[in-house]
């Protein structure tokens, strides 16, 4: 007689499968939440870097009461009394090449960062939109991660370029020592952090689309039917060797 499998032997593998799926889901949710936090912080920092006039600082040795600050859009003079006067750059074409290209790249970074945050938010686990379409949510996360990664590169490139030219001008031997030199501003360091955060968030969101590999539980072996001992009427299932002799 075949032995019937007990209900407990079938429910145990299914419970293990559900536990593996829940672990994979919790892992994805944590990675996506961390990626979104980095993305938001990086995007806000990138926007602040774009518009604050703190890319370069200049302290005049002849007049220590004034501090000059240069940004992508304007130049500001801070006096000792606390008064700040800002003046916008006269012409876009009259700017140095690094400032012109930095404007375009930083604006591109801000737009891509916002787009990446919106796409990634729609594709996150636990959100109502597109909940019944896992394939679409995965594509949205990949697109959002790619947009955030490009935004990070678009932030790091202009900040590093301006910093490189600032170092070259500072150590230029052809300029007399009496001439004041531009130095790094606070926006330079903020832009580096923003670019790293955006790139890291894009990488985390893209990696969260890959499901965690879980080892499937061993499937219990099927109980085999015992060999039939004989057939009705005295005939055997397999004939003996003596029966084959004519």
C-alpha atoms as a PDB file:
ATOM      1  CA  UNK A   1       0.000   0.000   0.000  1.00  0.00           C
ATOM      2  CA  UNK A   2       1.463   3.473  -0.839  1.00  0.00           C
ATOM      3  CA  UNK A   3       2.126   5.640   2.161  1.00  0.00           C
ATOM      4  CA  UNK A   4       0.371   9.017   2.139  1.00  0.00           C
ATOM      5  CA  UNK A   5       2.485  12.091   2.868  1.00  0.00           C
ATOM      6  CA  UNK A   6       1.588  14.011   5.975  1.00  0.00           C
ATOM      7  CA  UNK A   7       0.413  17.651   5.717  1.00  0.00           C
ATOM      8  CA  UNK A   8       3.365  18.826   7.797  1.00  0.00           C
ATOM      9  CA  UNK A   9       5.903  17.576   5.244  1.00  0.00           C
ATOM     10  CA  UNK A  10       4.291  19.726   2.537  1.00  0.00           C
ATOM     11  CA  UNK A  11       3.799  22.889   4.620  1.00  0.00           C
ATOM     12  CA  UNK A  12       7.405  23.018   5.841  1.00  0.00           C
ATOM     13  CA  UNK A  13       9.002  23.674   2.378  1.00  0.00           C
ATOM     14  CA  UNK A  14       6.337  26.235   1.527  1.00  0.00           C
ATOM     15  CA  UNK A  15       7.025  28.096   4.756  1.00  0.00           C
ATOM     16  CA  UNK A  16      10.733  28.135   3.941  1.00  0.00           C
ATOM     17  CA  UNK A  17       9.988  29.546   0.497  1.00  0.00           C
ATOM     18  CA  UNK A  18       7.825  32.296   1.969  1.00  0.00           C
ATOM     19  CA  UNK A  19      10.572  33.117   4.465  1.00  0.00           C
ATOM     20  CA  UNK A  20      13.143  33.428   1.661  1.00  0.00           C
ATOM     21  CA  UNK A  21      10.847  35.661  -0.368  1.00  0.00           C
ATOM     22  CA  UNK A  22      10.144  37.906   2.625  1.00  0.00           C
ATOM     23  CA  UNK A  23      13.881  38.227   3.349  1.00  0.00           C
ATOM     24  CA  UNK A  24      14.532  39.209  -0.260  1.00  0.00           C
ATOM     25  CA  UNK A  25      11.700  41.745  -0.143  1.00  0.00           C
ATOM     26  CA  UNK A  26      12.925  43.332   3.092  1.00  0.00           C
ATOM     27  CA  UNK A  27      16.452  43.552   1.661  1.00  0.00           C
ATOM     28  CA  UNK A  28      15.185  45.377  -1.407  1.00  0.00           C
ATOM     29  CA  UNK A  29      13.057  47.779   0.628  1.00  0.00           C
ATOM     30  CA  UNK A  30      16.000  48.753   2.846  1.00  0.00           C
ATOM     31  CA  UNK A  31      18.332  49.309  -0.105  1.00  0.00           C
ATOM     32  CA  UNK A  32      15.721  51.349  -1.962  1.00  0.00           C
ATOM     33  CA  UNK A  33      15.004  53.495   1.095  1.00  0.00           C
ATOM     34  CA  UNK A  34      18.711  54.208   1.569  1.00  0.00           C
ATOM     35  CA  UNK A  35      19.103  55.003  -2.111  1.00  0.00           C
ATOM     36  CA  UNK A  36      16.193  57.441  -2.048  1.00  0.00           C
ATOM     37  CA  UNK A  37      17.559  59.250   1.010  1.00  0.00           C
ATOM     38  CA  UNK A  38      20.948  59.654  -0.668  1.00  0.00           C
ATOM     39  CA  UNK A  39      19.240  60.788  -3.881  1.00  0.00           C
ATOM     40  CA  UNK A  40      17.193  63.485  -2.156  1.00  0.00           C
ATOM     41  CA  UNK A  41      20.147  64.746  -0.140  1.00  0.00           C
ATOM     42  CA  UNK A  42      22.391  64.762  -3.205  1.00  0.00           C
ATOM     43  CA  UNK A  43      19.817  66.540  -5.371  1.00  0.00           C
ATOM     44  CA  UNK A  44      19.216  69.281  -2.795  1.00  0.00           C
ATOM     45  CA  UNK A  45      22.962  69.730  -2.320  1.00  0.00           C
ATOM     46  CA  UNK A  46      23.459  69.921  -6.086  1.00  0.00           C
ATOM     47  CA  UNK A  47      20.788  72.630  -6.407  1.00  0.00           C
ATOM     48  CA  UNK A  48      22.377  74.632  -3.605  1.00  0.00           C
ATOM     49  CA  UNK A  49      25.787  74.266  -5.237  1.00  0.00           C
ATOM     50  CA  UNK A  50      24.415  75.549  -8.535  1.00  0.00           C
ATOM     51  CA  UNK A  51      23.040  78.833  -7.269  1.00  0.00           C
ATOM     52  CA  UNK A  52      25.210  79.910  -4.312  1.00  0.00           C
ATOM     53  CA  UNK A  53      28.096  82.298  -5.172  1.00  0.00           C
ATOM     54  CA  UNK A  54      30.673  80.332  -3.200  1.00  0.00           C
ATOM     55  CA  UNK A  55      32.629  78.490  -5.864  1.00  0.00           C
ATOM     56  CA  UNK A  56      35.711  80.687  -5.382  1.00  0.00           C
ATOM     57  CA  UNK A  57      36.859  82.934  -2.538  1.00  0.00           C
ATOM     58  CA  UNK A  58      39.295  85.849  -2.751  1.00  0.00           C
ATOM     59  CA  UNK A  59      40.786  87.687   0.215  1.00  0.00           C
ATOM     60  CA  UNK A  60      42.382  91.001  -0.735  1.00  0.00           C
ATOM     61  CA  UNK A  61      45.605  91.557   1.179  1.00  0.00           C
ATOM     62  CA  UNK A  62      45.482  95.306   0.530  1.00  0.00           C
ATOM     63  CA  UNK A  63      41.960  95.582   1.919  1.00  0.00           C
ATOM     64  CA  UNK A  64      41.221  92.833   4.432  1.00  0.00           C
ATOM     65  CA  UNK A  65      37.760  94.220   5.105  1.00  0.00           C
ATOM     66  CA  UNK A  66      36.389  92.745   1.869  1.00  0.00           C
ATOM     67  CA  UNK A  67      35.946  89.130   0.802  1.00  0.00           C
ATOM     68  CA  UNK A  68      35.073  88.330  -2.802  1.00  0.00           C
ATOM     69  CA  UNK A  69      32.958  85.295  -3.627  1.00  0.00           C
ATOM     70  CA  UNK A  70      32.349  84.043  -7.171  1.00  0.00           C
ATOM     71  CA  UNK A  71      29.673  81.658  -8.369  1.00  0.00           C
ATOM     72  CA  UNK A  72      28.231  80.538 -11.663  1.00  0.00           C
ATOM     73  CA  UNK A  73      25.733  83.401 -11.812  1.00  0.00           C
ATOM     74  CA  UNK A  74      27.113  86.316  -9.841  1.00  0.00           C
ATOM     75  CA  UNK A  75      29.979  87.803  -7.837  1.00  0.00           C
ATOM     76  CA  UNK A  76      29.403  88.959  -4.268  1.00  0.00           C
ATOM     77  CA  UNK A  77      31.475  91.233  -2.013  1.00  0.00           C
ATOM     78  CA  UNK A  78      31.142  90.781   1.740  1.00  0.00           C
ATOM     79  CA  UNK A  79      32.305  93.666   3.913  1.00  0.00           C
ATOM     80  CA  UNK A  80      33.274  93.613   7.557  1.00  0.00           C
ATOM     81  CA  UNK A  81      30.101  95.366   8.626  1.00  0.00           C
ATOM     82  CA  UNK A  82      28.104  92.437   7.246  1.00  0.00           C
ATOM     83  CA  UNK A  83      26.853  94.171   4.124  1.00  0.00           C
ATOM     84  CA  UNK A  84      26.801  91.970   1.032  1.00  0.00           C
ATOM     85  CA  UNK A  85      26.665  93.332  -2.475  1.00  0.00           C
ATOM     86  CA  UNK A  86      26.170  90.999  -5.450  1.00  0.00           C
ATOM     87  CA  UNK A  87      26.426  91.656  -9.144  1.00  0.00           C
ATOM     88  CA  UNK A  88      25.440  89.246 -11.890  1.00  0.00           C
ATOM     89  CA  UNK A  89      27.896  88.281 -14.599  1.00  0.00           C
ATOM     90  CA  UNK A  90      27.631  90.677 -17.517  1.00  0.00           C
ATOM     91  CA  UNK A  91      27.462  88.205 -20.392  1.00  0.00           C
ATOM     92  CA  UNK A  92      27.332  84.453 -20.722  1.00  0.00           C
ATOM     93  CA  UNK A  93      29.775  84.491 -23.630  1.00  0.00           C
ATOM     94  CA  UNK A  94      32.237  86.648 -21.672  1.00  0.00           C
ATOM     95  CA  UNK A  95      32.599  84.010 -18.938  1.00  0.00           C
ATOM     96  CA  UNK A  96      35.571  81.621 -18.845  1.00  0.00           C
ATOM     97  CA  UNK A  97      34.933  78.286 -20.581  1.00  0.00           C
ATOM     98  CA  UNK A  98      34.795  76.320 -17.327  1.00  0.00           C
ATOM     99  CA  UNK A  99      32.058  78.566 -15.935  1.00  0.00           C
ATOM    100  CA  UNK A 100      29.983  78.448 -19.124  1.00  0.00           C
ATOM    101  CA  UNK A 101      30.069  74.664 -19.333  1.00  0.00           C
ATOM    102  CA  UNK A 102      29.589  74.349 -15.586  1.00  0.00           C
ATOM    103  CA  UNK A 103      26.313  76.259 -15.847  1.00  0.00           C
ATOM    104  CA  UNK A 104      24.977  73.865 -18.449  1.00  0.00           C
ATOM    105  CA  UNK A 105      26.150  70.739 -16.665  1.00  0.00           C
ATOM    106  CA  UNK A 106      24.817  71.798 -13.282  1.00  0.00           C
ATOM    107  CA  UNK A 107      21.402  72.648 -14.734  1.00  0.00           C
ATOM    108  CA  UNK A 108      21.413  69.271 -16.485  1.00  0.00           C
ATOM    109  CA  UNK A 109      22.321  67.596 -13.206  1.00  0.00           C
ATOM    110  CA  UNK A 110      19.463  69.284 -11.364  1.00  0.00           C
ATOM    111  CA  UNK A 111      16.934  68.240 -13.995  1.00  0.00           C
ATOM    112  CA  UNK A 112      18.163  64.648 -14.182  1.00  0.00           C
ATOM    113  CA  UNK A 113      18.282  64.405 -10.394  1.00  0.00           C
ATOM    114  CA  UNK A 114      14.655  65.456 -10.088  1.00  0.00           C
ATOM    115  CA  UNK A 115      13.606  63.084 -12.877  1.00  0.00           C
ATOM    116  CA  UNK A 116      15.533  60.216 -11.297  1.00  0.00           C
ATOM    117  CA  UNK A 117      13.903  60.774  -7.905  1.00  0.00           C
ATOM    118  CA  UNK A 118      10.420  60.759  -9.432  1.00  0.00           C
ATOM    119  CA  UNK A 119      11.013  57.613 -11.486  1.00  0.00           C
ATOM    120  CA  UNK A 120      12.627  55.767  -8.591  1.00  0.00           C
ATOM    121  CA  UNK A 121       9.790  56.747  -6.243  1.00  0.00           C
ATOM    122  CA  UNK A 122       7.226  55.222  -8.610  1.00  0.00           C
ATOM    123  CA  UNK A 123       9.212  51.984  -8.821  1.00  0.00           C
ATOM    124  CA  UNK A 124       9.878  51.462  -5.123  1.00  0.00           C
ATOM    125  CA  UNK A 125       8.454  48.468  -3.283  1.00  0.00           C
ATOM    126  CA  UNK A 126       5.348  49.145  -1.213  1.00  0.00           C
ATOM    127  CA  UNK A 127       4.058  52.059  -3.307  1.00  0.00           C
ATOM    128  CA  UNK A 128       0.559  51.897  -4.728  1.00  0.00           C
ATOM    129  CA  UNK A 129       1.328  53.092  -8.279  1.00  0.00           C
ATOM    130  CA  UNK A 130       2.142  50.229 -10.663  1.00  0.00           C
ATOM    131  CA  UNK A 131       1.885  47.709  -7.833  1.00  0.00           C
ATOM    132  CA  UNK A 132       0.372  45.061 -10.118  1.00  0.00           C
ATOM    133  CA  UNK A 133       3.134  45.512 -12.740  1.00  0.00           C
ATOM    134  CA  UNK A 134       6.461  44.286 -11.316  1.00  0.00           C
ATOM    135  CA  UNK A 135       8.180  44.494 -14.686  1.00  0.00           C
ATOM    136  CA  UNK A 136       7.268  48.152 -15.080  1.00  0.00           C
ATOM    137  CA  UNK A 137       8.392  48.934 -11.509  1.00  0.00           C
ATOM    138  CA  UNK A 138      11.745  47.307 -12.227  1.00  0.00           C
ATOM    139  CA  UNK A 139      12.212  49.368 -15.385  1.00  0.00           C
ATOM    140  CA  UNK A 140      11.274  52.550 -13.527  1.00  0.00           C
ATOM    141  CA  UNK A 141      13.871  51.820 -10.850  1.00  0.00           C
ATOM    142  CA  UNK A 142      16.528  51.138 -13.470  1.00  0.00           C
ATOM    143  CA  UNK A 143      15.674  54.352 -15.325  1.00  0.00           C
ATOM    144  CA  UNK A 144      15.687  56.359 -12.093  1.00  0.00           C
ATOM    145  CA  UNK A 145      19.021  54.876 -11.030  1.00  0.00           C
ATOM    146  CA  UNK A 146      20.557  55.623 -14.431  1.00  0.00           C
ATOM    147  CA  UNK A 147      19.299  59.223 -14.344  1.00  0.00           C
ATOM    148  CA  UNK A 148      20.705  59.729 -10.837  1.00  0.00           C
ATOM    149  CA  UNK A 149      24.043  58.247 -11.846  1.00  0.00           C
ATOM    150  CA  UNK A 150      24.323  60.594 -14.833  1.00  0.00           C
ATOM    151  CA  UNK A 151      23.302  63.497 -12.590  1.00  0.00           C
ATOM    152  CA  UNK A 152      26.122  62.616 -10.200  1.00  0.00           C
ATOM    153  CA  UNK A 153      28.678  62.597 -13.017  1.00  0.00           C
ATOM    154  CA  UNK A 154      27.265  65.896 -14.336  1.00  0.00           C
ATOM    155  CA  UNK A 155      27.860  67.413 -10.877  1.00  0.00           C
ATOM    156  CA  UNK A 156      31.333  66.021 -10.278  1.00  0.00           C
ATOM    157  CA  UNK A 157      32.671  67.070 -13.690  1.00  0.00           C
ATOM    158  CA  UNK A 158      32.185  70.878 -13.483  1.00  0.00           C
ATOM    159  CA  UNK A 159      33.118  71.100  -9.798  1.00  0.00           C
ATOM    160  CA  UNK A 160      36.341  69.178 -10.401  1.00  0.00           C
ATOM    161  CA  UNK A 161      37.120  71.250 -13.504  1.00  0.00           C
ATOM    162  CA  UNK A 162      36.724  74.564 -11.672  1.00  0.00           C
ATOM    163  CA  UNK A 163      38.781  73.232  -8.757  1.00  0.00           C
ATOM    164  CA  UNK A 164      41.533  72.098 -11.126  1.00  0.00           C
ATOM    165  CA  UNK A 165      41.737  75.507 -12.821  1.00  0.00           C
ATOM    166  CA  UNK A 166      41.752  77.187  -9.409  1.00  0.00           C
ATOM    167  CA  UNK A 167      44.779  75.127  -8.386  1.00  0.00           C
ATOM    168  CA  UNK A 168      46.564  75.944 -11.653  1.00  0.00           C
ATOM    169  CA  UNK A 169      45.940  79.679 -11.233  1.00  0.00           C
ATOM    170  CA  UNK A 170      47.018  79.596  -7.606  1.00  0.00           C
ATOM    171  CA  UNK A 171      50.392  78.038  -8.397  1.00  0.00           C
ATOM    172  CA  UNK A 172      50.989  80.008 -11.599  1.00  0.00           C
ATOM    173  CA  UNK A 173      54.564  81.311 -11.450  1.00  0.00           C
ATOM    174  CA  UNK A 174      53.942  83.913 -14.136  1.00  0.00           C
ATOM    175  CA  UNK A 175      51.615  85.872 -11.842  1.00  0.00           C
ATOM    176  CA  UNK A 176      53.382  88.130  -9.309  1.00  0.00           C
ATOM    177  CA  UNK A 177      53.094  87.141  -5.668  1.00  0.00           C
ATOM    178  CA  UNK A 178      51.514  90.457  -4.775  1.00  0.00           C
ATOM    179  CA  UNK A 179      48.446  89.641  -6.870  1.00  0.00           C
ATOM    180  CA  UNK A 180      45.740  87.935  -4.747  1.00  0.00           C
ATOM    181  CA  UNK A 181      44.741  84.402  -5.738  1.00  0.00           C
ATOM    182  CA  UNK A 182      41.374  82.714  -5.868  1.00  0.00           C
ATOM    183  CA  UNK A 183      40.870  79.773  -3.507  1.00  0.00           C
ATOM    184  CA  UNK A 184      38.332  76.988  -3.070  1.00  0.00           C
ATOM    185  CA  UNK A 185      34.887  78.030  -1.892  1.00  0.00           C
ATOM    186  CA  UNK A 186      32.432  76.112   0.243  1.00  0.00           C
ATOM    187  CA  UNK A 187      30.317  75.219  -2.791  1.00  0.00           C
ATOM    188  CA  UNK A 188      33.208  73.218  -4.244  1.00  0.00           C
ATOM    189  CA  UNK A 189      33.208  70.750  -1.369  1.00  0.00           C
ATOM    190  CA  UNK A 190      29.408  70.667  -1.266  1.00  0.00           C
ATOM    191  CA  UNK A 191      29.352  69.840  -4.977  1.00  0.00           C
ATOM    192  CA  UNK A 192      31.736  66.928  -4.503  1.00  0.00           C
ATOM    193  CA  UNK A 193      29.548  65.472  -1.776  1.00  0.00           C
ATOM    194  CA  UNK A 194      26.436  66.004  -3.904  1.00  0.00           C
ATOM    195  CA  UNK A 195      27.949  64.204  -6.895  1.00  0.00           C
ATOM    196  CA  UNK A 196      29.061  61.235  -4.787  1.00  0.00           C
ATOM    197  CA  UNK A 197      25.642  60.958  -3.127  1.00  0.00           C
ATOM    198  CA  UNK A 198      23.820  61.059  -6.455  1.00  0.00           C
ATOM    199  CA  UNK A 199      26.083  58.447  -8.027  1.00  0.00           C
ATOM    200  CA  UNK A 200      25.836  56.162  -4.967  1.00  0.00           C
ATOM    201  CA  UNK A 201      22.051  56.466  -4.881  1.00  0.00           C
ATOM    202  CA  UNK A 202      21.786  55.530  -8.552  1.00  0.00           C
ATOM    203  CA  UNK A 203      23.965  52.472  -7.966  1.00  0.00           C
ATOM    204  CA  UNK A 204      21.922  51.342  -4.959  1.00  0.00           C
ATOM    205  CA  UNK A 205      18.601  51.752  -6.747  1.00  0.00           C
ATOM    206  CA  UNK A 206      19.845  49.879  -9.798  1.00  0.00           C
ATOM    207  CA  UNK A 207      21.204  47.036  -7.653  1.00  0.00           C
ATOM    208  CA  UNK A 208      17.924  46.742  -5.747  1.00  0.00           C
ATOM    209  CA  UNK A 209      16.169  45.574  -8.912  1.00  0.00           C
ATOM    210  CA  UNK A 210      18.179  42.374  -8.850  1.00  0.00           C
ATOM    211  CA  UNK A 211      16.450  39.810  -6.618  1.00  0.00           C
ATOM    212  CA  UNK A 212      18.503  38.241  -3.868  1.00  0.00           C
ATOM    213  CA  UNK A 213      19.405  34.652  -4.646  1.00  0.00           C
ATOM    214  CA  UNK A 214      17.888  32.289  -2.153  1.00  0.00           C
ATOM    215  CA  UNK A 215      18.690  28.584  -2.061  1.00  0.00           C
ATOM    216  CA  UNK A 216      15.462  26.666  -2.618  1.00  0.00           C
ATOM    217  CA  UNK A 217      14.634  24.194   0.134  1.00  0.00           C
ATOM    218  CA  UNK A 218      15.179  20.523  -0.682  1.00  0.00           C
ATOM    219  CA  UNK A 219      12.114  18.906  -2.160  1.00  0.00           C
ATOM    220  CA  UNK A 220      11.110  15.794  -0.234  1.00  0.00           C
ATOM    221  CA  UNK A 221      11.566  12.610  -2.215  1.00  0.00           C
ATOM    222  CA  UNK A 222       8.377  11.059  -3.489  1.00  0.00           C
ATOM    223  CA  UNK A 223       7.417   7.858  -1.802  1.00  0.00           C
ATOM    224  CA  UNK A 224       7.804   5.060  -4.302  1.00  0.00           C
ATOM    225  CA  UNK A 225       5.194   2.362  -4.575  1.00  0.00           C
ATOM    226  CA  UNK A 226       6.351  -0.974  -3.240  1.00  0.00           C
ATOM    227  CA  UNK A 227       6.967  -3.635  -5.837  1.00  0.00           C
ATOM    228  CA  UNK A 228       4.021  -5.826  -6.480  1.00  0.00           C
ATOM    229  CA  UNK A 229       4.605  -9.202  -5.001  1.00  0.00           C
ATOM    230  CA  UNK A 230       2.336 -11.051  -7.348  1.00  0.00           C
ATOM    231  CA  UNK A 231      -0.687 -10.948  -9.552  1.00  0.00           C
ATOM    232  CA  UNK A 232      -3.986 -12.696  -9.036  1.00  0.00           C
ATOM    233  CA  UNK A 233      -4.047 -16.203 -10.365  1.00  0.00           C
ATOM    234  CA  UNK A 234      -0.540 -17.160  -9.246  1.00  0.00           C
ATOM    235  CA  UNK A 235       1.277 -15.367 -12.105  1.00  0.00           C
ATOM    236  CA  UNK A 236       4.341 -13.321 -11.311  1.00  0.00           C
ATOM    237  CA  UNK A 237       4.903  -9.793 -12.622  1.00  0.00           C
ATOM    238  CA  UNK A 238       8.320 -10.741 -13.991  1.00  0.00           C
ATOM    239  CA  UNK A 239       8.685 -14.310 -15.340  1.00  0.00           C
ATOM    240  CA  UNK A 240      11.394 -16.474 -13.909  1.00  0.00           C
ATOM    241  CA  UNK A 241      14.287 -17.741 -15.969  1.00  0.00           C
ATOM    242  CA  UNK A 242      12.812 -21.234 -15.950  1.00  0.00           C
ATOM    243  CA  UNK A 243       9.682 -20.012 -17.643  1.00  0.00           C
ATOM    244  CA  UNK A 244      11.710 -18.691 -20.585  1.00  0.00           C
ATOM    245  CA  UNK A 245      13.189 -22.113 -21.396  1.00  0.00           C
ATOM    246  CA  UNK A 246      11.295 -23.894 -24.126  1.00  0.00           C
END
